[in-house]
Protein backbone atom coordinates (compact mmCIF):
# COMPACT_ATOMS: atom_id res chain seq x y z
CA MET A 1 -0.16 -0.17 0.23
CA ASN A 2 1.49 3.27 -0.97
CA TRP A 3 1.10 6.35 1.26
CA LEU A 4 -1.10 8.40 -1.08
CA ALA A 5 -3.74 5.38 -0.46
CA LEU A 6 -3.37 5.17 3.28
CA SER A 7 -3.56 9.30 3.84
CA ALA A 8 -6.88 9.33 1.93
CA VAL A 9 -7.81 6.04 4.25
CA SER A 10 -6.35 7.90 7.41
CA GLU A 11 -8.14 10.68 6.83
CA PHE A 12 -11.78 9.16 5.81
CA PHE A 13 -12.05 7.70 9.61
CA ALA A 14 -11.16 11.73 11.21
CA ALA A 15 -13.71 12.61 8.77
CA LEU A 16 -16.11 10.26 10.08
CA PHE A 17 -14.53 10.38 13.87
CA LEU A 18 -15.86 13.27 13.58
CA LEU A 19 -18.95 13.42 12.77
CA VAL A 20 -19.87 10.88 14.71
CA SER A 21 -18.43 12.77 17.40
CA PHE A 22 -20.87 15.74 16.36
CA VAL A 23 -22.99 13.39 17.01
CA PHE A 24 -22.47 12.68 19.94
CA VAL A 25 -22.07 16.14 21.09
CA GLY A 26 -25.46 16.89 19.62
CA LEU A 27 -27.33 14.32 21.30
CA GLN A 28 -25.46 15.23 24.39
CA LEU A 29 -27.00 19.29 23.95
CA LYS A 30 -30.45 18.00 23.99
CA GLN A 31 -30.30 15.51 26.90
CA ASN A 32 -29.30 18.77 29.39
CA ARG A 33 -31.88 20.50 27.83
CA GLU A 34 -34.25 18.40 28.96
CA VAL A 35 -32.68 17.91 32.28
CA GLN A 36 -32.34 22.16 32.37
CA ARG A 37 -35.96 21.85 31.08
CA ALA A 38 -37.37 19.41 33.89
CA SER A 39 -35.08 21.18 36.36
CA HIS A 40 -37.10 25.00 36.42
CA GLN A 41 -40.34 23.39 35.78
CA ARG A 42 -39.58 21.62 38.76
CA GLU A 43 -38.05 25.27 40.76
CA ILE A 44 -41.41 27.02 39.72
CA LEU A 45 -43.71 24.53 40.71
CA ASN A 46 -41.73 24.43 44.01
CA ALA A 47 -42.01 28.03 44.52
CA ALA A 48 -45.88 28.02 43.33
CA ARG A 49 -46.07 26.16 46.49
CA ASP A 50 -44.18 27.79 48.46
CA PHE A 51 -46.17 30.30 47.23
CA PHE A 52 -49.91 29.21 48.54
CA SER A 53 -48.48 27.25 51.51
CA ILE A 54 -48.60 31.08 53.43
CA THR A 55 -52.11 31.52 53.80
CA ARG A 56 -52.09 28.01 55.29
CA SER A 57 -48.77 29.44 58.09
CA SER A 58 -50.07 32.62 58.51
CA ASN A 59 -54.09 33.62 59.88
CA ILE A 60 -53.39 37.53 58.99
CA VAL A 61 -52.10 36.82 55.59
CA LEU A 62 -55.43 34.18 55.46
CA GLU A 63 -57.94 36.75 56.17
CA ALA A 64 -55.85 40.12 54.44
CA VAL A 65 -56.24 38.39 51.41
CA SER A 66 -59.70 36.75 52.06
CA ILE A 67 -61.48 39.67 52.75
CA CYS A 68 -59.38 42.09 50.08
CA MET A 69 -60.81 39.44 47.15
CA LYS A 70 -64.30 39.88 48.50
CA ASP A 71 -64.35 43.53 49.47
CA TYR A 72 -61.06 45.48 48.78
CA SER A 73 -62.78 48.67 50.13
CA ARG A 74 -63.81 47.49 53.60
CA SER A 75 -60.07 46.00 53.77
CA THR A 76 -57.54 47.98 56.68
CA GLN A 77 -54.80 49.96 54.99
CA SER A 78 -52.46 46.82 56.32
CA GLY A 79 -54.94 44.07 54.77
CA LYS A 80 -54.20 45.79 51.41
CA HIS A 81 -50.37 46.30 51.95
CA ILE A 82 -50.31 42.80 52.25
CA PHE A 83 -53.01 41.80 49.65
CA THR A 84 -50.89 44.16 46.83
CA THR A 85 -47.65 42.74 47.81
CA TRP A 86 -49.29 38.65 48.18
CA VAL A 87 -50.50 39.38 43.92
CA ILE A 88 -47.64 41.09 43.48
CA ASP A 89 -45.17 38.62 44.89
CA PHE A 90 -47.70 35.51 42.74
CA MET A 91 -47.33 38.11 39.52
CA LEU A 92 -43.75 37.67 39.69
CA LEU A 93 -44.18 33.93 39.50
CA VAL A 94 -46.50 34.24 36.91
CA GLU A 95 -44.65 36.76 35.08
CA GLN A 96 -41.67 33.86 34.94
CA ALA A 97 -43.61 31.17 33.65
CA TRP A 98 -44.75 32.88 30.84
CA TYR A 99 -41.66 33.57 29.60
CA MET A 100 -40.03 30.04 30.43
CA LYS A 101 -43.40 29.23 28.35
CA ARG A 102 -42.44 30.78 25.25
CA ASP A 103 -38.62 29.83 25.85
CA GLY A 104 -39.60 25.26 25.92
CA TYR A 105 -38.59 25.37 29.91
CA ILE A 106 -42.41 24.07 31.07
CA ASN A 107 -44.64 22.45 29.74
CA GLN A 108 -47.83 24.35 27.93
CA ALA A 109 -50.19 22.45 31.07
CA SER A 110 -48.33 23.43 33.96
CA TYR A 111 -48.59 27.48 32.36
CA GLU A 112 -52.39 26.66 31.68
CA GLY A 113 -52.36 26.03 35.62
CA PHE A 114 -50.43 29.98 36.39
CA GLU A 115 -52.27 31.59 34.53
CA ALA A 116 -55.97 29.97 35.42
CA LEU A 117 -54.81 31.07 39.35
CA MET A 118 -53.83 34.15 37.92
CA LEU A 119 -56.56 35.08 36.38
CA SER A 120 -58.80 33.96 39.37
CA ILE A 121 -56.99 36.24 41.63
CA PHE A 122 -57.11 39.26 38.57
CA VAL A 123 -61.52 38.53 38.48
CA THR A 124 -62.00 39.33 42.06
CA ASP A 125 -63.09 42.63 43.86
CA GLY A 126 -58.79 42.73 45.15
CA GLY A 127 -57.94 41.72 42.03
CA LYS A 128 -59.83 44.22 39.17
CA ALA A 129 -58.86 47.25 42.27
CA LEU A 130 -55.35 46.46 41.36
CA TRP A 131 -54.91 45.53 38.34
CA PRO A 132 -54.81 48.94 36.42
CA THR A 133 -51.94 49.74 38.32
CA LEU A 134 -50.34 46.47 38.79
CA LYS A 135 -50.00 45.40 34.94
CA GLN A 136 -47.66 48.12 33.99
CA THR A 137 -45.35 46.97 36.46
CA TRP A 138 -45.69 43.45 34.33
CA GLY A 139 -43.40 43.38 30.78
CA GLN A 140 -45.97 44.76 27.77
CA ASP A 141 -46.08 41.41 26.19
CA VAL A 142 -47.55 40.05 29.78
CA SER A 143 -49.37 42.49 30.48
CA ALA A 144 -51.26 42.75 26.34
CA HIS A 145 -51.40 39.01 27.35
CA PHE A 146 -53.07 38.33 30.71
CA GLU A 147 -55.67 42.19 29.26
CA ARG A 148 -56.96 40.28 26.38
CA LYS A 149 -57.67 37.21 28.35
CA LEU A 150 -59.49 39.83 30.74
CA THR A 151 -61.59 41.27 28.81
CA ASP A 152 -62.34 38.40 26.68
CA ASN A 153 -63.59 36.31 29.58
CA THR A 154 -64.21 37.31 32.36
CA GLY A 155 -67.74 35.66 32.99
CA ASP A 156 -65.90 32.57 32.36
CA ILE A 157 -63.51 33.18 35.19
CA LEU A 158 -64.22 31.11 38.60
CA LYS A 159 -62.58 33.74 41.53
CA HIS A 160 -59.78 32.93 43.43
CA TYR A 161 -62.22 32.52 46.51
CA GLU A 162 -64.91 29.92 44.56
CA LEU A 163 -61.43 27.98 43.33
CA MET A 164 -60.11 27.85 47.28
CA PRO A 165 -63.51 27.62 49.54
CA TYR A 166 -61.22 28.52 52.75
CA LEU A 167 -60.76 31.72 51.47
């Protein structure tokens, strides 16, 4: 065998190994993305669970949220403050979920749960009182999305205290 043929065979195998390594790297990247997606989804679902546990662990928060949802004007200044910060905290989670869904980090079903719960808060008396101001604190795309949902479907959305009767 001459050197030219040996060189051609070695170049062929080098190219083949390079191609195989690219395929392997591609599979690794795909696998890492799936692991990352599952991790992000677990993280945001745990954050939501922790958020809703606030009303279980504090009667003051539970009472403020309950009163503000049903009759915002009847609440005290302290109650309105507690309710407003409670809503803002959940808004931040929902905004994160919205962008994560857009970028493929959480699935549609998980996002729809966040959206339904957020809408159920916004259609309460307290949510209606806060929405005109708080919608300006979100990204314009998220705010416009929720504005459309609230405008188009208000009659179809259950109030949060109807979903969770203890409120």
